C-alpha atoms as a PDB file:
ATOM      1  CA  MET A   1      83.302 105.951  88.945  1.00  0.00           C
ATOM      2  CA  TYR A   2      81.675 109.157  87.817  1.00  0.00           C
ATOM      3  CA  LEU A   3      77.921 109.414  87.966  1.00  0.00           C
ATOM      4  CA  ALA A   4      77.800 110.216  84.242  1.00  0.00           C
ATOM      5  CA  GLN A   5      79.453 106.854  83.584  1.00  0.00           C
ATOM      6  CA  ALA A   6      76.958 104.978  85.756  1.00  0.00           C
ATOM      7  CA  GLN A   7      75.192 101.963  84.369  1.00  0.00           C
ATOM      8  CA  CYS A   8      71.475 101.623  84.885  1.00  0.00           C
ATOM      9  CA  GLY A   9      70.453  98.514  86.760  1.00  0.00           C
ATOM     10  CA  PRO A  10      67.274  96.473  86.840  1.00  0.00           C
ATOM     11  CA  MET A  11      66.086  98.323  89.960  1.00  0.00           C
ATOM     12  CA  ASP A  12      66.387 101.761  88.312  1.00  0.00           C
ATOM     13  CA  SER A  13      63.292 103.510  87.067  1.00  0.00           C
ATOM     14  CA  THR A  14      63.422 105.296  83.725  1.00  0.00           C
ATOM     15  CA  VAL A  15      63.751 108.594  85.564  1.00  0.00           C
ATOM     16  CA  SER A  16      66.532 107.479  87.913  1.00  0.00           C
ATOM     17  CA  CYS A  17      68.399 105.947  84.984  1.00  0.00           C
ATOM     18  CA  CYS A  18      68.095 109.208  83.067  1.00  0.00           C
ATOM     19  CA  VAL A  19      69.353 111.195  86.077  1.00  0.00           C
ATOM     20  CA  LYS A  20      72.337 108.836  86.412  1.00  0.00           C
ATOM     21  CA  MET A  21      73.224 109.364  82.785  1.00  0.00           C
ATOM     22  CA  HIS A  22      72.701 113.164  82.868  1.00  0.00           C
ATOM     23  CA  PRO A  23      73.356 114.369  86.434  1.00  0.00           C
ATOM     24  CA  ALA A  24      74.361 117.882  85.363  1.00  0.00           C
ATOM     25  CA  THR A  25      71.333 118.422  83.130  1.00  0.00           C
ATOM     26  CA  PRO A  26      68.200 117.163  84.915  1.00  0.00           C
ATOM     27  CA  GLU A  27      65.997 119.033  82.453  1.00  0.00           C
ATOM     28  CA  ARG A  28      66.913 116.346  79.911  1.00  0.00           C
ATOM     29  CA  CYS A  29      64.970 113.988  82.157  1.00  0.00           C
ATOM     30  CA  GLY A  30      62.002 116.323  82.528  1.00  0.00           C
ATOM     31  CA  LEU A  31      63.002 117.361  86.055  1.00  0.00           C
ATOM     32  CA  THR A  32      63.990 120.551  87.813  1.00  0.00           C
ATOM     33  CA  ALA A  33      67.259 120.621  89.753  1.00  0.00           C
ATOM     34  CA  SER A  34      65.427 120.229  93.065  1.00  0.00           C
ATOM     35  CA  GLU A  35      63.413 117.277  91.737  1.00  0.00           C
ATOM     36  CA  ALA A  36      66.588 115.614  90.473  1.00  0.00           C
ATOM     37  CA  SER A  37      68.294 116.045  93.857  1.00  0.00           C
ATOM     38  CA  LYS A  38      66.097 113.313  95.372  1.00  0.00           C
ATOM     39  CA  TYR A  39      67.814 110.922  92.930  1.00  0.00           C
ATOM     40  CA  LEU A  40      71.300 112.446  93.011  1.00  0.00           C
ATOM     41  CA  VAL A  41      71.827 112.666  96.777  1.00  0.00           C
ATOM     42  CA  PRO A  42      71.526 108.887  97.376  1.00  0.00           C
ATOM     43  CA  MET A  43      73.671 108.143  94.302  1.00  0.00           C
ATOM     44  CA  LYS A  44      76.418 110.477  95.529  1.00  0.00           C
ATOM     45  CA  ALA A  45      76.287 108.875  98.987  1.00  0.00           C
ATOM     46  CA  VAL A  46      76.704 105.403  97.495  1.00  0.00           C
ATOM     47  CA  GLU A  47      79.551 106.637  95.294  1.00  0.00           C
ATOM     48  CA  SER A  48      81.327 108.230  98.271  1.00  0.00           C
ATOM     49  CA  ALA A  49      80.931 105.113 100.388  1.00  0.00           C
ATOM     50  CA  SER A  50      82.332 102.837  97.694  1.00  0.00           C
ATOM     51  CA  GLU A  51      85.301 105.155  97.093  1.00  0.00           C
ATOM     52  CA  ALA A  52      85.989 105.310 100.828  1.00  0.00           C
ATOM     53  CA  SER A  53      85.924 101.529 101.194  1.00  0.00           C
ATOM     54  CA  GLU A  54      88.279 101.111  98.221  1.00  0.00           C
ATOM     55  CA  GLU A  55      90.673 103.636  99.731  1.00  0.00           C
ATOM     56  CA  ALA A  56      90.392 102.305 103.278  1.00  0.00           C
ATOM     57  CA  ILE A  57      93.027  99.594 102.772  1.00  0.00           C
ATOM     58  CA  PRO A  58      95.859 100.306 100.342  1.00  0.00           C
ATOM     59  CA  GLY A  59      96.749  97.523  97.914  1.00  0.00           C
ATOM     60  CA  TRP A  60     100.127  96.813  99.502  1.00  0.00           C
ATOM     61  CA  LYS A  61      98.500  96.391 102.915  1.00  0.00           C
ATOM     62  CA  GLN A  62      95.910  93.977 101.522  1.00  0.00           C
ATOM     63  CA  VAL A  63      98.808  91.898 100.163  1.00  0.00           C
ATOM     64  CA  CYS A  64     100.327  91.878 103.659  1.00  0.00           C
ATOM     65  CA  ILE A  65      97.026  90.853 105.240  1.00  0.00           C
ATOM     66  CA  ASP A  66      96.444  88.073 102.714  1.00  0.00           C
ATOM     67  CA  ALA A  67      99.993  86.736 103.086  1.00  0.00           C
ATOM     68  CA  TYR A  68      99.684  86.816 106.890  1.00  0.00           C
ATOM     69  CA  ALA A  69      96.433  84.855 106.745  1.00  0.00           C
ATOM     70  CA  GLN A  70      97.993  82.230 104.478  1.00  0.00           C
ATOM     71  CA  CYS A  71     101.085  82.102 106.680  1.00  0.00           C
ATOM     72  CA  GLN A  72      98.953  81.382 109.751  1.00  0.00           C
ATOM     73  CA  GLU A  73      96.562  78.940 108.075  1.00  0.00           C
ATOM     74  CA  GLN A  74      99.233  76.963 106.252  1.00  0.00           C
ATOM     75  CA  ALA A  75     101.914  77.085 108.997  1.00  0.00           C
ATOM     76  CA  TRP A  76     104.562  78.706 106.828  1.00  0.00           C
ATOM     77  CA  SER A  77     108.166  78.789 107.962  1.00  0.00           C
ATOM     78  CA  GLY A  78     109.156  81.894 109.938  1.00  0.00           C
ATOM     79  CA  SER A  79     107.245  84.165 112.298  1.00  0.00           C
ATOM     80  CA  CYS A  80     104.057  85.230 110.542  1.00  0.00           C
ATOM     81  CA  TYR A  81     103.597  88.169 112.908  1.00  0.00           C
ATOM     82  CA  ASP A  82     107.146  89.458 112.447  1.00  0.00           C
ATOM     83  CA  CYS A  83     106.803  89.127 108.690  1.00  0.00           C
ATOM     84  CA  PHE A  84     103.496  91.002 108.783  1.00  0.00           C
ATOM     85  CA  ARG A  85     105.100  93.847 110.742  1.00  0.00           C
ATOM     86  CA  TYR A  86     107.979  93.929 108.229  1.00  0.00           C
ATOM     87  CA  CYS A  87     105.469  94.005 105.384  1.00  0.00           C
ATOM     88  CA  GLU A  88     103.660  96.957 106.970  1.00  0.00           C
ATOM     89  CA  GLY A  89     106.898  98.920 107.102  1.00  0.00           C
ATOM     90  CA  GLN A  90     108.401  97.912 103.756  1.00  0.00           C
ATOM     91  CA  HIS A  91     105.141  97.398 101.812  1.00  0.00           C
ATOM     92  CA  GLU A  92     106.221  93.951 100.648  1.00  0.00           C
ATOM     93  CA  TRP A  93     106.126  90.473 102.134  1.00  0.00           C
ATOM     94  CA  PRO A  94     109.592  89.135 103.129  1.00  0.00           C
ATOM     95  CA  VAL A  95     109.567  85.892 101.139  1.00  0.00           C
ATOM     96  CA  ASP A  96     113.073  85.110 102.356  1.00  0.00           C
ATOM     97  CA  LYS A  97     111.827  84.974 105.980  1.00  0.00           C
ATOM     98  CA  CYS A  98     108.249  83.676 105.707  1.00  0.00           C
ATOM     99  CA  ARG A  99     107.134  81.293 103.008  1.00  0.00           C
ATOM    100  CA  ARG A 100     105.400  78.005 102.414  1.00  0.00           C
ATOM    101  CA  ARG A 101     107.280  75.023 103.723  1.00  0.00           C
ATOM    102  CA  LYS A 102     108.825  72.803 101.079  1.00  0.00           C
ATOM    103  CA  GLY A 103     106.674  69.828 100.175  1.00  0.00           C
ATOM    104  CA  GLY A 104     103.474  71.666 101.170  1.00  0.00           C
ATOM    105  CA  GLU A 105     103.667  70.522 104.803  1.00  0.00           C
END
C-alpha cells in the first residue's frame, strides 16, 4: 500500500490524516518537511513492517503449512511430514499421497 493511498482511521488527527494523504507535499497540510517527518517516519516503519510480514511466507508455503496442519490434526492418510517436505520442494501438496481419509475418519 502506498502512503498516498492510505485511509485515515479514527485514531488519526486532522494533521496526520492530511500527511497520509499528501506525503510528498506537507505544505498542503500547513507543515514544513521537517515537521511532517514526525508523522511520516512512523507511517513508513509500519508500512515496511507490514510488507515484510506479507513477504515473509510465500503463498505456496502457507498452503503447505496449512495442509500439513490439517493432515496432522485430522489424521490424513500418508506421511504428513513427507508430504510437507514434498510440498516445500514442488510448491504443491501431493494430494495423491496425503489426503483426508474416506468417510471423514
